[in-house]
Amino acid sequence: DCMSQDDLKKLNKDKKKVKKLAKAYDAFMASDTLIKQIPRLLGPGLNKAGKFPTQITHADNMMDKVNDLKATIKFQMKKVLCLSVAVGNVSMSEEEVVQNVHLAMNFLVS
């Protein structure tokens, strides 16, 4: 789905509408010009939900960007010192699971 700047203005920083929008989608993308205006148009709702839009420029391939977003996992640690994360599923081979564990650990360490 696509939303214009006018569509975002209609949400008018209404917390309930912004929260509903954040729940409806797994991730967001916005143009480099629009991304600067998102906090002003929507307030802090998307940021609090951990779904602030990823920037996309006119030169980017949109499908590549979508696939990158699908493959990205965000770790959110609040006031806890332990973390649980899924690194595979039953249909994956042992090598794939090991590779995912290494990727997750390297990401956390960096």
C-alpha atoms as a PDB file:
ATOM      1  CA  ASP A   1       0.000   0.000   0.000  1.00  0.00           C
ATOM      2  CA  CYS A   2       1.067   3.579  -0.594  1.00  0.00           C
ATOM      3  CA  MET A   3       0.207   6.723   1.362  1.00  0.00           C
ATOM      4  CA  SER A   4       0.812  10.286   0.266  1.00  0.00           C
ATOM      5  CA  GLN A   5       1.778  13.173   2.484  1.00  0.00           C
ATOM      6  CA  ASP A   6      -1.884  14.257   2.516  1.00  0.00           C
ATOM      7  CA  ASP A   7      -2.937  10.774   3.700  1.00  0.00           C
ATOM      8  CA  LEU A   8      -0.434  11.033   6.549  1.00  0.00           C
ATOM      9  CA  LYS A   9      -1.746  14.502   7.444  1.00  0.00           C
ATOM     10  CA  LYS A  10      -5.241  13.010   7.794  1.00  0.00           C
ATOM     11  CA  LEU A  11      -3.947  10.849  10.659  1.00  0.00           C
ATOM     12  CA  ASN A  12      -3.167  14.170  12.375  1.00  0.00           C
ATOM     13  CA  LYS A  13      -0.988  12.679  15.134  1.00  0.00           C
ATOM     14  CA  ASP A  14      -4.022  10.727  16.379  1.00  0.00           C
ATOM     15  CA  LYS A  15      -2.336   8.136  18.599  1.00  0.00           C
ATOM     16  CA  LYS A  16      -4.997   5.482  18.029  1.00  0.00           C
ATOM     17  CA  LYS A  17      -4.858   5.803  14.239  1.00  0.00           C
ATOM     18  CA  VAL A  18      -1.046   5.772  14.174  1.00  0.00           C
ATOM     19  CA  LYS A  19      -0.981   2.733  16.482  1.00  0.00           C
ATOM     20  CA  LYS A  20      -3.505   0.961  14.243  1.00  0.00           C
ATOM     21  CA  LEU A  21      -1.338   1.772  11.205  1.00  0.00           C
ATOM     22  CA  ALA A  22       1.766   0.417  12.949  1.00  0.00           C
ATOM     23  CA  LYS A  23      -0.031  -2.820  13.862  1.00  0.00           C
ATOM     24  CA  ALA A  24      -1.333  -3.305  10.328  1.00  0.00           C
ATOM     25  CA  TYR A  25       2.141  -3.570   8.727  1.00  0.00           C
ATOM     26  CA  ASP A  26       5.443  -5.243   9.571  1.00  0.00           C
ATOM     27  CA  ALA A  27       7.631  -2.496   8.097  1.00  0.00           C
ATOM     28  CA  PHE A  28       7.466   0.877   6.365  1.00  0.00           C
ATOM     29  CA  MET A  29       9.449   2.620   3.637  1.00  0.00           C
ATOM     30  CA  ALA A  30       9.471   6.330   2.874  1.00  0.00           C
ATOM     31  CA  SER A  31      11.150   8.605   0.355  1.00  0.00           C
ATOM     32  CA  ASP A  32      14.108  10.650   1.524  1.00  0.00           C
ATOM     33  CA  THR A  33      12.053  13.855   1.422  1.00  0.00           C
ATOM     34  CA  LEU A  34       9.047  12.409   3.270  1.00  0.00           C
ATOM     35  CA  ILE A  35      11.030  10.598   5.957  1.00  0.00           C
ATOM     36  CA  LYS A  36      12.109  13.936   7.456  1.00  0.00           C
ATOM     37  CA  GLN A  37       8.469  14.950   7.904  1.00  0.00           C
ATOM     38  CA  ILE A  38       7.173  11.690   9.459  1.00  0.00           C
ATOM     39  CA  PRO A  39       7.762  12.711  13.115  1.00  0.00           C
ATOM     40  CA  ARG A  40       5.953  16.004  12.470  1.00  0.00           C
ATOM     41  CA  LEU A  41       3.044  14.331  10.668  1.00  0.00           C
ATOM     42  CA  LEU A  42       2.547  11.244  12.836  1.00  0.00           C
ATOM     43  CA  GLY A  43       4.197  12.028  16.153  1.00  0.00           C
ATOM     44  CA  PRO A  44       6.302   9.420  17.974  1.00  0.00           C
ATOM     45  CA  GLY A  45       3.910   6.477  17.423  1.00  0.00           C
ATOM     46  CA  LEU A  46       5.848   4.600  14.727  1.00  0.00           C
ATOM     47  CA  ASN A  47       9.136   5.113  16.535  1.00  0.00           C
ATOM     48  CA  LYS A  48       7.694   3.765  19.797  1.00  0.00           C
ATOM     49  CA  ALA A  49       6.403   0.708  17.930  1.00  0.00           C
ATOM     50  CA  GLY A  50       9.917   0.162  16.529  1.00  0.00           C
ATOM     51  CA  LYS A  51       8.659   0.614  12.981  1.00  0.00           C
ATOM     52  CA  PHE A  52      10.145   3.913  11.856  1.00  0.00           C
ATOM     53  CA  PRO A  53      10.286   3.829   8.040  1.00  0.00           C
ATOM     54  CA  THR A  54      13.370   2.744   6.120  1.00  0.00           C
ATOM     55  CA  GLN A  55      14.599   5.387   3.705  1.00  0.00           C
ATOM     56  CA  ILE A  56      14.293   4.632   0.002  1.00  0.00           C
ATOM     57  CA  THR A  57      15.634   6.856  -2.778  1.00  0.00           C
ATOM     58  CA  HIS A  58      14.572   7.038  -6.407  1.00  0.00           C
ATOM     59  CA  ALA A  59      17.783   5.193  -7.376  1.00  0.00           C
ATOM     60  CA  ASP A  60      17.059   2.190  -5.109  1.00  0.00           C
ATOM     61  CA  ASN A  61      15.491  -0.966  -6.461  1.00  0.00           C
ATOM     62  CA  MET A  62      12.271  -1.274  -4.452  1.00  0.00           C
ATOM     63  CA  MET A  63      12.104  -5.085  -4.598  1.00  0.00           C
ATOM     64  CA  ASP A  64      15.683  -5.371  -3.287  1.00  0.00           C
ATOM     65  CA  LYS A  65      14.789  -2.996  -0.453  1.00  0.00           C
ATOM     66  CA  VAL A  66      11.638  -5.007   0.363  1.00  0.00           C
ATOM     67  CA  ASN A  67      13.633  -8.259   0.402  1.00  0.00           C
ATOM     68  CA  ASP A  68      16.247  -6.654   2.689  1.00  0.00           C
ATOM     69  CA  LEU A  69      13.481  -5.562   5.058  1.00  0.00           C
ATOM     70  CA  LYS A  70      11.975  -9.053   5.062  1.00  0.00           C
ATOM     71  CA  ALA A  71      15.369 -10.555   5.920  1.00  0.00           C
ATOM     72  CA  THR A  72      16.106  -8.075   8.720  1.00  0.00           C
ATOM     73  CA  ILE A  73      15.561  -8.922  12.364  1.00  0.00           C
ATOM     74  CA  LYS A  74      15.615  -6.169  14.972  1.00  0.00           C
ATOM     75  CA  PHE A  75      16.774  -6.903  18.492  1.00  0.00           C
ATOM     76  CA  GLN A  76      15.151  -4.658  21.098  1.00  0.00           C
ATOM     77  CA  MET A  77      16.621  -4.909  24.563  1.00  0.00           C
ATOM     78  CA  LYS A  78      15.080  -2.876  27.308  1.00  0.00           C
ATOM     79  CA  LYS A  79      16.037  -3.250  30.963  1.00  0.00           C
ATOM     80  CA  VAL A  80      16.888  -6.949  30.760  1.00  0.00           C
ATOM     81  CA  LEU A  81      20.208  -8.703  30.414  1.00  0.00           C
ATOM     82  CA  CYS A  82      18.935 -11.797  28.624  1.00  0.00           C
ATOM     83  CA  LEU A  83      17.603 -12.162  25.112  1.00  0.00           C
ATOM     84  CA  SER A  84      15.594 -14.825  23.302  1.00  0.00           C
ATOM     85  CA  VAL A  85      15.472 -14.959  19.550  1.00  0.00           C
ATOM     86  CA  ALA A  86      14.319 -17.474  16.940  1.00  0.00           C
ATOM     87  CA  VAL A  87      17.177 -18.517  14.666  1.00  0.00           C
ATOM     88  CA  GLY A  88      15.484 -21.147  12.536  1.00  0.00           C
ATOM     89  CA  ASN A  89      12.603 -23.490  12.008  1.00  0.00           C
ATOM     90  CA  VAL A  90      12.175 -27.254  11.703  1.00  0.00           C
ATOM     91  CA  SER A  91      12.439 -27.274   7.909  1.00  0.00           C
ATOM     92  CA  MET A  92      15.949 -25.753   7.963  1.00  0.00           C
ATOM     93  CA  SER A  93      19.108 -27.832   7.791  1.00  0.00           C
ATOM     94  CA  GLU A  94      21.563 -27.912  10.687  1.00  0.00           C
ATOM     95  CA  GLU A  95      24.041 -25.815   8.670  1.00  0.00           C
ATOM     96  CA  GLU A  96      21.424 -23.107   8.029  1.00  0.00           C
ATOM     97  CA  VAL A  97      20.547 -22.908  11.723  1.00  0.00           C
ATOM     98  CA  VAL A  98      24.235 -22.693  12.679  1.00  0.00           C
ATOM     99  CA  GLN A  99      24.735 -19.937  10.104  1.00  0.00           C
ATOM    100  CA  ASN A 100      21.770 -17.998  11.526  1.00  0.00           C
ATOM    101  CA  VAL A 101      23.123 -18.367  15.082  1.00  0.00           C
ATOM    102  CA  HIS A 102      26.484 -16.969  13.957  1.00  0.00           C
ATOM    103  CA  LEU A 103      24.784 -14.067  12.151  1.00  0.00           C
ATOM    104  CA  ALA A 104      22.708 -13.218  15.225  1.00  0.00           C
ATOM    105  CA  MET A 105      25.706 -13.367  17.567  1.00  0.00           C
ATOM    106  CA  ASN A 106      27.873 -11.256  15.250  1.00  0.00           C
ATOM    107  CA  PHE A 107      25.105  -8.680  14.982  1.00  0.00           C
ATOM    108  CA  LEU A 108      24.755  -8.450  18.766  1.00  0.00           C
ATOM    109  CA  VAL A 109      28.506  -8.172  19.300  1.00  0.00           C
ATOM    110  CA  SER A 110      28.973  -5.431  16.679  1.00  0.00           C
END
